[in-house]
């Protein structure tokens, strides 16, 4: 799992690429296809308020998706250590995760 630092109060963009079972990538997914889970300082079931989903560009970056989390209404507004996971709601083997440490200045 990767680790990144983020400055509290600024928009956090979490992106990942969704491979299919061949040599290409899956396009056309919607927010209903994914589940976003956030754990704050070891406590699960954190609110995902303020996080919006989008496919970045199906033509130029096929299979690239993103959650943009507001610096004012999402978890990115509060300093803490977060474990963030995104998975396909129909196939839990397709999982992307990262650790985000939100600090006042975005450094460790």
Protein backbone atom coordinates (compact mmCIF):
# COMPACT_ATOMS: atom_id res chain seq x y z
CA UNK A 1 0.00 0.00 0.00
CA UNK A 2 1.33 3.40 -0.94
CA UNK A 3 1.56 6.30 1.50
CA UNK A 4 1.06 9.95 0.64
CA UNK A 5 0.87 13.20 2.58
CA UNK A 6 -1.87 15.71 1.89
CA UNK A 7 -2.48 19.27 3.09
CA UNK A 8 -5.70 19.61 5.09
CA UNK A 9 -8.30 21.86 3.50
CA UNK A 10 -7.32 21.17 -0.12
CA UNK A 11 -9.01 18.82 -2.60
CA UNK A 12 -7.58 15.30 -2.52
CA UNK A 13 -7.68 13.31 -5.77
CA UNK A 14 -7.47 9.52 -5.52
CA UNK A 15 -7.08 7.84 -8.90
CA UNK A 16 -6.63 4.26 -10.04
CA UNK A 17 -6.66 2.21 -13.25
CA UNK A 18 -9.17 -0.62 -13.66
CA UNK A 19 -7.74 -3.53 -15.68
CA UNK A 20 -9.94 -6.17 -17.25
CA UNK A 21 -8.93 -9.81 -17.62
CA UNK A 22 -7.04 -9.29 -20.89
CA UNK A 23 -4.52 -6.66 -21.94
CA UNK A 24 -6.81 -3.61 -21.88
CA UNK A 25 -8.70 -1.56 -19.33
CA UNK A 26 -12.36 -1.37 -18.34
CA UNK A 27 -14.25 1.80 -19.24
CA UNK A 28 -17.83 2.91 -18.61
CA UNK A 29 -17.98 2.24 -14.86
CA UNK A 30 -20.16 4.51 -12.72
CA UNK A 31 -20.11 5.46 -9.04
CA UNK A 32 -22.60 2.65 -8.39
CA UNK A 33 -19.96 0.12 -9.45
CA UNK A 34 -17.56 1.09 -6.66
CA UNK A 35 -17.50 1.26 -2.88
CA UNK A 36 -15.27 3.74 -1.06
CA UNK A 37 -14.16 2.80 2.47
CA UNK A 38 -12.28 5.13 4.82
CA UNK A 39 -10.59 4.22 8.11
CA UNK A 40 -9.43 7.10 10.34
CA UNK A 41 -6.72 6.41 12.94
CA UNK A 42 -7.82 2.76 13.10
CA UNK A 43 -11.56 3.47 13.34
CA UNK A 44 -13.59 2.22 10.38
CA UNK A 45 -16.82 3.27 8.76
CA UNK A 46 -15.85 6.92 8.26
CA UNK A 47 -18.16 9.15 6.21
CA UNK A 48 -17.51 9.46 2.49
CA UNK A 49 -19.35 12.79 2.32
CA UNK A 50 -17.70 15.25 -0.05
CA UNK A 51 -16.11 12.59 -2.28
CA UNK A 52 -17.30 12.49 -5.90
CA UNK A 53 -16.57 9.84 -8.52
CA UNK A 54 -15.60 10.25 -12.18
CA UNK A 55 -14.11 8.35 -15.08
CA UNK A 56 -11.16 10.53 -16.06
CA UNK A 57 -11.05 10.07 -19.87
CA UNK A 58 -12.26 6.85 -21.51
CA UNK A 59 -10.55 7.68 -24.82
CA UNK A 60 -7.14 9.03 -23.80
CA UNK A 61 -6.81 7.27 -20.43
CA UNK A 62 -9.03 4.19 -20.64
CA UNK A 63 -9.87 2.62 -17.32
CA UNK A 64 -8.69 5.57 -15.22
CA UNK A 65 -11.10 6.55 -12.45
CA UNK A 66 -10.97 9.08 -9.64
CA UNK A 67 -12.57 10.11 -6.38
CA UNK A 68 -12.17 13.84 -5.75
CA UNK A 69 -12.54 14.55 -2.02
CA UNK A 70 -13.36 18.13 -1.05
CA UNK A 71 -10.95 19.97 1.21
CA UNK A 72 -13.87 21.47 3.12
CA UNK A 73 -16.58 18.77 3.32
CA UNK A 74 -14.69 15.46 3.15
CA UNK A 75 -12.20 13.64 5.36
CA UNK A 76 -9.45 15.67 3.61
CA UNK A 77 -10.45 18.64 5.77
CA UNK A 78 -9.25 17.01 9.02
CA UNK A 79 -5.72 16.07 10.05
CA UNK A 80 -5.34 12.33 10.74
CA UNK A 81 -4.03 9.07 9.28
CA UNK A 82 -6.47 7.50 6.82
CA UNK A 83 -6.55 4.14 5.10
CA UNK A 84 -8.60 4.48 1.93
CA UNK A 85 -9.90 1.56 -0.13
CA UNK A 86 -11.91 1.50 -3.33
CA UNK A 87 -13.29 -1.76 -4.64
CA UNK A 88 -15.63 -3.02 -7.32
CA UNK A 89 -18.93 -3.64 -5.53
CA UNK A 90 -19.52 -6.78 -7.63
CA UNK A 91 -15.97 -8.20 -7.46
CA UNK A 92 -14.07 -7.68 -4.21
CA UNK A 93 -10.88 -9.05 -5.81
CA UNK A 94 -10.60 -5.76 -7.72
CA UNK A 95 -9.27 -3.52 -4.96
CA UNK A 96 -7.19 -0.36 -4.85
CA UNK A 97 -5.91 1.11 -1.60
CA UNK A 98 -3.65 3.76 -0.17
CA UNK A 99 -2.71 5.43 3.11
CA UNK A 100 -3.23 9.18 3.21
CA UNK A 101 -1.76 11.20 6.05
CA UNK A 102 -3.49 14.57 6.19
CA UNK A 103 -1.39 17.22 7.95
CA UNK A 104 -1.65 20.98 8.35
CA UNK A 105 1.08 21.58 5.77
CA UNK A 106 0.99 18.40 3.65
CA UNK A 107 4.38 17.11 4.82
CA UNK A 108 5.49 14.33 7.15
